């Protein structure tokens, strides 16, 4: 599943609702533009937790986050560009 959030924290309830109403939950969820255009407060990684998923994030620019179902063994790789 993929979406562009244009600020994720205020949409976490909506995200959980979309994921939980599906017959089969997505194994991987990728979200771009996680941070707001004009952030007034620094968010904490714990605010992005989602039950049943591990998450990986990249803090560059507006940020991305990838949720991976707990049953999938995944690690984040840092690659120099």
PDB file of N, CA and C in Angstrom:
ATOM      1  N   UNK A   1       0.854  -1.168   0.000  1.00  0.00           N
ATOM      2  CA  UNK A   1       0.000   0.000   0.000  1.00  0.00           C
ATOM      3  C   UNK A   1       0.897   1.226   0.000  1.00  0.00           C
ATOM      4  N   UNK A   2       0.533   2.243  -0.761  1.00  0.00           N
ATOM      5  CA  UNK A   2       1.300   3.477  -0.834  1.00  0.00           C
ATOM      6  C   UNK A   2       0.354   4.668  -0.759  1.00  0.00           C
ATOM      7  N   UNK A   3       0.803   5.719  -0.065  1.00  0.00           N
ATOM      8  CA  UNK A   3       0.059   6.973  -0.075  1.00  0.00           C
ATOM      9  C   UNK A   3       1.012   8.132   0.197  1.00  0.00           C
ATOM     10  N   UNK A   4       0.591   9.309  -0.192  1.00  0.00           N
ATOM     11  CA  UNK A   4       1.279  10.555   0.121  1.00  0.00           C
ATOM     12  C   UNK A   4       0.437  11.222   1.212  1.00  0.00           C
ATOM     13  N   UNK A   5       0.984  11.355   2.399  1.00  0.00           N
ATOM     14  CA  UNK A   5       0.197  11.821   3.539  1.00  0.00           C
ATOM     15  C   UNK A   5       0.073  13.338   3.631  1.00  0.00           C
ATOM     16  N   UNK A   6       1.086  14.078   3.172  1.00  0.00           N
ATOM     17  CA  UNK A   6       1.118  15.521   3.370  1.00  0.00           C
ATOM     18  C   UNK A   6       0.871  15.844   4.842  1.00  0.00           C
ATOM     19  N   UNK A   7       1.623  15.187   5.714  1.00  0.00           N
ATOM     20  CA  UNK A   7       1.590  15.290   7.177  1.00  0.00           C
ATOM     21  C   UNK A   7       0.827  14.089   7.746  1.00  0.00           C
ATOM     22  N   UNK A   8       1.561  13.160   8.342  1.00  0.00           N
ATOM     23  CA  UNK A   8       0.975  11.888   8.765  1.00  0.00           C
ATOM     24  C   UNK A   8       0.374  11.906  10.165  1.00  0.00           C
ATOM     25  N   UNK A   9       0.969  12.604  11.105  1.00  0.00           N
ATOM     26  CA  UNK A   9       0.519  12.488  12.499  1.00  0.00           C
ATOM     27  C   UNK A   9      -0.964  12.764  12.686  1.00  0.00           C
ATOM     28  N   UNK A  10      -1.488  13.746  11.983  1.00  0.00           N
ATOM     29  CA  UNK A  10      -2.913  14.047  12.144  1.00  0.00           C
ATOM     30  C   UNK A  10      -3.809  13.089  11.348  1.00  0.00           C
ATOM     31  N   UNK A  11      -3.190  12.114  10.668  1.00  0.00           N
ATOM     32  CA  UNK A  11      -3.954  11.139   9.877  1.00  0.00           C
ATOM     33  C   UNK A  11      -3.742   9.703  10.360  1.00  0.00           C
ATOM     34  N   UNK A  12      -3.112   9.519  11.513  1.00  0.00           N
ATOM     35  CA  UNK A  12      -2.833   8.165  12.010  1.00  0.00           C
ATOM     36  C   UNK A  12      -4.127   7.383  12.254  1.00  0.00           C
ATOM     37  N   UNK A  13      -5.161   8.017  12.790  1.00  0.00           N
ATOM     38  CA  UNK A  13      -6.438   7.331  13.025  1.00  0.00           C
ATOM     39  C   UNK A  13      -7.038   6.873  11.703  1.00  0.00           C
ATOM     40  N   UNK A  14      -6.974   7.730  10.705  1.00  0.00           N
ATOM     41  CA  UNK A  14      -7.479   7.375   9.375  1.00  0.00           C
ATOM     42  C   UNK A  14      -6.680   6.213   8.784  1.00  0.00           C
ATOM     43  N   UNK A  15      -5.357   6.247   8.922  1.00  0.00           N
ATOM     44  CA  UNK A  15      -4.511   5.161   8.429  1.00  0.00           C
ATOM     45  C   UNK A  15      -4.888   3.838   9.088  1.00  0.00           C
ATOM     46  N   UNK A  16      -5.031   3.841  10.420  1.00  0.00           N
ATOM     47  CA  UNK A  16      -5.415   2.620  11.126  1.00  0.00           C
ATOM     48  C   UNK A  16      -6.784   2.121  10.666  1.00  0.00           C
ATOM     49  N   UNK A  17      -7.719   3.021  10.432  1.00  0.00           N
ATOM     50  CA  UNK A  17      -9.042   2.634   9.967  1.00  0.00           C
ATOM     51  C   UNK A  17      -8.995   1.982   8.594  1.00  0.00           C
ATOM     52  N   UNK A  18      -8.211   2.549   7.686  1.00  0.00           N
ATOM     53  CA  UNK A  18      -8.084   1.991   6.337  1.00  0.00           C
ATOM     54  C   UNK A  18      -7.448   0.607   6.392  1.00  0.00           C
ATOM     55  N   UNK A  19      -6.395   0.472   7.165  1.00  0.00           N
ATOM     56  CA  UNK A  19      -5.685  -0.814   7.257  1.00  0.00           C
ATOM     57  C   UNK A  19      -6.564  -1.868   7.919  1.00  0.00           C
ATOM     58  N   UNK A  20      -7.245  -1.508   8.987  1.00  0.00           N
ATOM     59  CA  UNK A  20      -8.023  -2.495   9.750  1.00  0.00           C
ATOM     60  C   UNK A  20      -9.330  -2.902   9.086  1.00  0.00           C
ATOM     61  N   UNK A  21      -9.838  -2.129   8.132  1.00  0.00           N
ATOM     62  CA  UNK A  21     -11.098  -2.498   7.478  1.00  0.00           C
ATOM     63  C   UNK A  21     -10.891  -3.440   6.298  1.00  0.00           C
ATOM     64  N   UNK A  22      -9.662  -3.693   5.935  1.00  0.00           N
ATOM     65  CA  UNK A  22      -9.385  -4.577   4.809  1.00  0.00           C
ATOM     66  C   UNK A  22      -9.425  -6.040   5.242  1.00  0.00           C
ATOM     67  N   UNK A  23      -9.855  -6.914   4.334  1.00  0.00           N
ATOM     68  CA  UNK A  23      -9.878  -8.347   4.629  1.00  0.00           C
ATOM     69  C   UNK A  23      -8.470  -8.864   4.923  1.00  0.00           C
ATOM     70  N   UNK A  24      -7.518  -8.429   4.125  1.00  0.00           N
ATOM     71  CA  UNK A  24      -6.119  -8.798   4.328  1.00  0.00           C
ATOM     72  C   UNK A  24      -5.323  -7.523   4.532  1.00  0.00           C
ATOM     73  N   UNK A  25      -4.681  -7.406   5.682  1.00  0.00           N
ATOM     74  CA  UNK A  25      -3.871  -6.218   5.945  1.00  0.00           C
ATOM     75  C   UNK A  25      -2.650  -6.217   5.027  1.00  0.00           C
ATOM     76  N   UNK A  26      -2.239  -5.049   4.569  1.00  0.00           N
ATOM     77  CA  UNK A  26      -1.054  -4.979   3.711  1.00  0.00           C
ATOM     78  C   UNK A  26       0.192  -5.426   4.458  1.00  0.00           C
ATOM     79  N   UNK A  27       1.100  -6.091   3.773  1.00  0.00           N
ATOM     80  CA  UNK A  27       2.363  -6.497   4.379  1.00  0.00           C
ATOM     81  C   UNK A  27       3.319  -5.315   4.485  1.00  0.00           C
ATOM     82  N   UNK A  28       3.236  -4.416   3.512  1.00  0.00           N
ATOM     83  CA  UNK A  28       4.119  -3.249   3.484  1.00  0.00           C
ATOM     84  C   UNK A  28       3.285  -2.017   3.163  1.00  0.00           C
ATOM     85  N   UNK A  29       3.528  -0.951   3.930  1.00  0.00           N
ATOM     86  CA  UNK A  29       2.849   0.329   3.705  1.00  0.00           C
ATOM     87  C   UNK A  29       3.939   1.394   3.570  1.00  0.00           C
ATOM     88  N   UNK A  30       3.967   2.088   2.457  1.00  0.00           N
ATOM     89  CA  UNK A  30       4.939   3.155   2.228  1.00  0.00           C
ATOM     90  C   UNK A  30       4.202   4.488   2.188  1.00  0.00           C
ATOM     91  N   UNK A  31       4.712   5.452   2.926  1.00  0.00           N
ATOM     92  CA  UNK A  31       4.061   6.764   3.006  1.00  0.00           C
ATOM     93  C   UNK A  31       5.109   7.850   2.791  1.00  0.00           C
ATOM     94  N   UNK A  32       4.820   8.767   1.881  1.00  0.00           N
ATOM     95  CA  UNK A  32       5.710   9.893   1.626  1.00  0.00           C
ATOM     96  C   UNK A  32       5.127  11.171   2.223  1.00  0.00           C
ATOM     97  N   UNK A  33       5.954  12.193   2.295  1.00  0.00           N
ATOM     98  CA  UNK A  33       5.588  13.489   2.876  1.00  0.00           C
ATOM     99  C   UNK A  33       4.958  13.306   4.250  1.00  0.00           C
ATOM    100  N   UNK A  34       5.710  12.664   5.124  1.00  0.00           N
ATOM    101  CA  UNK A  34       5.256  12.352   6.479  1.00  0.00           C
ATOM    102  C   UNK A  34       5.170  13.616   7.337  1.00  0.00           C
ATOM    103  N   UNK A  35       6.119  14.510   7.155  1.00  0.00           N
ATOM    104  CA  UNK A  35       6.147  15.737   7.960  1.00  0.00           C
ATOM    105  C   UNK A  35       5.305  16.833   7.302  1.00  0.00           C
ATOM    106  N   UNK A  36       4.768  17.740   8.120  1.00  0.00           N
ATOM    107  CA  UNK A  36       4.021  18.876   7.550  1.00  0.00           C
ATOM    108  C   UNK A  36       4.949  19.837   6.805  1.00  0.00           C
ATOM    109  N   UNK A  37       4.378  20.643   5.932  1.00  0.00           N
ATOM    110  CA  UNK A  37       5.168  21.608   5.166  1.00  0.00           C
ATOM    111  C   UNK A  37       5.869  22.604   6.081  1.00  0.00           C
ATOM    112  N   UNK A  38       5.186  23.027   7.119  1.00  0.00           N
ATOM    113  CA  UNK A  38       5.758  23.968   8.086  1.00  0.00           C
ATOM    114  C   UNK A  38       5.625  23.382   9.493  1.00  0.00           C
ATOM    115  N   UNK A  39       6.574  22.518   9.870  1.00  0.00           N
ATOM    116  CA  UNK A  39       6.473  21.879  11.189  1.00  0.00           C
ATOM    117  C   UNK A  39       6.673  22.883  12.316  1.00  0.00           C
ATOM    118  N   UNK A  40       5.759  22.878  13.263  1.00  0.00           N
ATOM    119  CA  UNK A  40       5.873  23.776  14.413  1.00  0.00           C
ATOM    120  C   UNK A  40       6.450  23.051  15.627  1.00  0.00           C
ATOM    121  N   UNK A  41       6.310  21.726  15.645  1.00  0.00           N
ATOM    122  CA  UNK A  41       6.806  20.918  16.763  1.00  0.00           C
ATOM    123  C   UNK A  41       7.520  19.700  16.188  1.00  0.00           C
ATOM    124  N   UNK A  42       8.647  19.329  16.801  1.00  0.00           N
ATOM    125  CA  UNK A  42       9.382  18.130  16.385  1.00  0.00           C
ATOM    126  C   UNK A  42       8.621  16.886  16.829  1.00  0.00           C
ATOM    127  N   UNK A  43       8.347  15.973  15.931  1.00  0.00           N
ATOM    128  CA  UNK A  43       7.633  14.743  16.280  1.00  0.00           C
ATOM    129  C   UNK A  43       8.612  13.688  16.781  1.00  0.00           C
ATOM    130  N   UNK A  44       8.097  12.759  17.567  1.00  0.00           N
ATOM    131  CA  UNK A  44       8.894  11.664  18.110  1.00  0.00           C
ATOM    132  C   UNK A  44       8.621  10.392  17.323  1.00  0.00           C
ATOM    133  N   UNK A  45       9.637   9.550  17.128  1.00  0.00           N
ATOM    134  CA  UNK A  45       9.415   8.287  16.412  1.00  0.00           C
ATOM    135  C   UNK A  45       8.287   7.446  17.016  1.00  0.00           C
ATOM    136  N   UNK A  46       8.126   7.467  18.327  1.00  0.00           N
ATOM    137  CA  UNK A  46       7.088   6.662  18.971  1.00  0.00           C
ATOM    138  C   UNK A  46       5.678   7.073  18.541  1.00  0.00           C
ATOM    139  N   UNK A  47       5.517   8.290  18.043  1.00  0.00           N
ATOM    140  CA  UNK A  47       4.207   8.758  17.604  1.00  0.00           C
ATOM    141  C   UNK A  47       3.755   8.084  16.298  1.00  0.00           C
ATOM    142  N   UNK A  48       4.680   7.450  15.609  1.00  0.00           N
ATOM    143  CA  UNK A  48       4.371   6.816  14.332  1.00  0.00           C
ATOM    144  C   UNK A  48       4.146   5.307  14.446  1.00  0.00           C
ATOM    145  N   UNK A  49       4.165   4.767  15.655  1.00  0.00           N
ATOM    146  CA  UNK A  49       3.969   3.328  15.830  1.00  0.00           C
ATOM    147  C   UNK A  49       2.594   2.909  15.336  1.00  0.00           C
ATOM    148  N   UNK A  50       2.553   1.688  14.800  1.00  0.00           N
ATOM    149  CA  UNK A  50       1.296   1.113  14.341  1.00  0.00           C
ATOM    150  C   UNK A  50       1.302  -0.361  14.722  1.00  0.00           C
ATOM    151  N   UNK A  51       0.283  -0.789  15.440  1.00  0.00           N
ATOM    152  CA  UNK A  51       0.226  -2.158  15.941  1.00  0.00           C
ATOM    153  C   UNK A  51       0.315  -3.171  14.801  1.00  0.00           C
ATOM    154  N   UNK A  52       1.191  -4.152  14.997  1.00  0.00           N
ATOM    155  CA  UNK A  52       1.372  -5.202  14.000  1.00  0.00           C
ATOM    156  C   UNK A  52       2.446  -4.898  12.974  1.00  0.00           C
ATOM    157  N   UNK A  53       3.081  -3.729  13.098  1.00  0.00           N
ATOM    158  CA  UNK A  53       4.079  -3.313  12.112  1.00  0.00           C
ATOM    159  C   UNK A  53       5.337  -2.772  12.795  1.00  0.00           C
ATOM    160  N   UNK A  54       6.477  -3.063  12.174  1.00  0.00           N
ATOM    161  CA  UNK A  54       7.716  -2.350  12.469  1.00  0.00           C
ATOM    162  C   UNK A  54       7.779  -1.220  11.448  1.00  0.00           C
ATOM    163  N   UNK A  55       8.490  -0.158  11.771  1.00  0.00           N
ATOM    164  CA  UNK A  55       8.583   0.910  10.781  1.00  0.00           C
ATOM    165  C   UNK A  55      10.000   1.417  10.645  1.00  0.00           C
ATOM    166  N   UNK A  56      10.262   1.900   9.452  1.00  0.00           N
ATOM    167  CA  UNK A  56      11.553   2.458   9.098  1.00  0.00           C
ATOM    168  C   UNK A  56      11.282   3.839   8.518  1.00  0.00           C
ATOM    169  N   UNK A  57      12.136   4.785   8.866  1.00  0.00           N
ATOM    170  CA  UNK A  57      11.875   6.152   8.419  1.00  0.00           C
ATOM    171  C   UNK A  57      13.146   6.793   7.903  1.00  0.00           C
ATOM    172  N   UNK A  58      12.954   7.770   7.072  1.00  0.00           N
ATOM    173  CA  UNK A  58      14.048   8.573   6.531  1.00  0.00           C
ATOM    174  C   UNK A  58      13.669  10.021   6.784  1.00  0.00           C
ATOM    175  N   UNK A  59      14.519  10.729   7.474  1.00  0.00           N
ATOM    176  CA  UNK A  59      14.186  12.080   7.941  1.00  0.00           C
ATOM    177  C   UNK A  59      14.517  13.189   6.952  1.00  0.00           C
ATOM    178  N   UNK A  60      15.004  12.875   5.778  1.00  0.00           N
ATOM    179  CA  UNK A  60      15.346  13.919   4.825  1.00  0.00           C
ATOM    180  C   UNK A  60      14.099  14.623   4.317  1.00  0.00           C
ATOM    181  N   UNK A  61      14.232  15.898   4.057  1.00  0.00           N
ATOM    182  CA  UNK A  61      13.152  16.700   3.492  1.00  0.00           C
ATOM    183  C   UNK A  61      11.867  16.525   4.297  1.00  0.00           C
ATOM    184  N   UNK A  62      10.788  16.123   3.668  1.00  0.00           N
ATOM    185  CA  UNK A  62       9.511  15.968   4.374  1.00  0.00           C
ATOM    186  C   UNK A  62       9.341  14.565   4.924  1.00  0.00           C
ATOM    187  N   UNK A  63      10.258  13.682   4.601  1.00  0.00           N
ATOM    188  CA  UNK A  63      10.290  12.365   5.216  1.00  0.00           C
ATOM    189  C   UNK A  63       9.451  11.303   4.532  1.00  0.00           C
ATOM    190  N   UNK A  64       9.909  10.077   4.711  1.00  0.00           N
ATOM    191  CA  UNK A  64       9.143   8.909   4.281  1.00  0.00           C
ATOM    192  C   UNK A  64       9.120   7.919   5.439  1.00  0.00           C
ATOM    193  N   UNK A  65       8.140   7.046   5.431  1.00  0.00           N
ATOM    194  CA  UNK A  65       8.054   5.992   6.429  1.00  0.00           C
ATOM    195  C   UNK A  65       7.555   4.738   5.731  1.00  0.00           C
ATOM    196  N   UNK A  66       8.139   3.608   6.095  1.00  0.00           N
ATOM    197  CA  UNK A  66       7.724   2.329   5.544  1.00  0.00           C
ATOM    198  C   UNK A  66       7.369   1.424   6.714  1.00  0.00           C
ATOM    199  N   UNK A  67       6.133   0.950   6.736  1.00  0.00           N
ATOM    200  CA  UNK A  67       5.679  -0.005   7.737  1.00  0.00           C
ATOM    201  C   UNK A  67       5.799  -1.396   7.134  1.00  0.00           C
ATOM    202  N   UNK A  68       6.380  -2.320   7.898  1.00  0.00           N
ATOM    203  CA  UNK A  68       6.535  -3.699   7.449  1.00  0.00           C
ATOM    204  C   UNK A  68       5.891  -4.595   8.499  1.00  0.00           C
ATOM    205  N   UNK A  69       5.016  -5.492   8.059  1.00  0.00           N
ATOM    206  CA  UNK A  69       4.318  -6.385   8.983  1.00  0.00           C
ATOM    207  C   UNK A  69       5.327  -7.132   9.858  1.00  0.00           C
ATOM    208  N   UNK A  70       4.984  -7.311  11.129  1.00  0.00           N
ATOM    209  CA  UNK A  70       5.883  -7.943  12.091  1.00  0.00           C
ATOM    210  C   UNK A  70       6.390  -9.305  11.648  1.00  0.00           C
ATOM    211  N   UNK A  71       5.572 -10.045  10.890  1.00  0.00           N
ATOM    212  CA  UNK A  71       5.988 -11.392  10.500  1.00  0.00           C
ATOM    213  C   UNK A  71       7.046 -11.404   9.401  1.00  0.00           C
ATOM    214  N   UNK A  72       7.335 -10.260   8.827  1.00  0.00           N
ATOM    215  CA  UNK A  72       8.384 -10.142   7.810  1.00  0.00           C
ATOM    216  C   UNK A  72       9.643  -9.609   8.489  1.00  0.00           C
ATOM    217  N   UNK A  73      10.734 -10.298   8.297  1.00  0.00           N
ATOM    218  CA  UNK A  73      12.012  -9.860   8.874  1.00  0.00           C
ATOM    219  C   UNK A  73      12.670  -8.862   7.912  1.00  0.00           C
ATOM    220  N   UNK A  74      12.744  -7.621   8.351  1.00  0.00           N
ATOM    221  CA  UNK A  74      13.271  -6.557   7.496  1.00  0.00           C
ATOM    222  C   UNK A  74      14.251  -5.699   8.286  1.00  0.00           C
ATOM    223  N   UNK A  75      15.212  -5.134   7.592  1.00  0.00           N
ATOM    224  CA  UNK A  75      16.159  -4.182   8.191  1.00  0.00           C
ATOM    225  C   UNK A  75      16.315  -3.013   7.244  1.00  0.00           C
ATOM    226  N   UNK A  76      16.653  -1.886   7.797  1.00  0.00           N
ATOM    227  CA  UNK A  76      16.872  -0.680   6.985  1.00  0.00           C
ATOM    228  C   UNK A  76      18.332  -0.606   6.595  1.00  0.00           C
ATOM    229  N   UNK A  77      18.583  -0.381   5.321  1.00  0.00           N
ATOM    230  CA  UNK A  77      19.945  -0.216   4.807  1.00  0.00           C
ATOM    231  C   UNK A  77      20.219   1.247   4.557  1.00  0.00           C
ATOM    232  N   UNK A  78      21.386   1.681   4.942  1.00  0.00           N
ATOM    233  CA  UNK A  78      21.825   3.038   4.634  1.00  0.00           C
ATOM    234  C   UNK A  78      22.797   2.955   3.472  1.00  0.00           C
ATOM    235  N   UNK A  79      22.452   3.583   2.351  1.00  0.00           N
ATOM    236  CA  UNK A  79      23.273   3.537   1.157  1.00  0.00           C
ATOM    237  C   UNK A  79      23.713   4.944   0.834  1.00  0.00           C
ATOM    238  N   UNK A  80      25.021   5.140   0.703  1.00  0.00           N
ATOM    239  CA  UNK A  80      25.547   6.448   0.304  1.00  0.00           C
ATOM    240  C   UNK A  80      25.179   6.711  -1.144  1.00  0.00           C
ATOM    241  N   UNK A  81      24.743   7.933  -1.403  1.00  0.00           N
ATOM    242  CA  UNK A  81      24.383   8.241  -2.793  1.00  0.00           C
ATOM    243  C   UNK A  81      25.353   9.268  -3.344  1.00  0.00           C
TER     244      UNK A  81
END
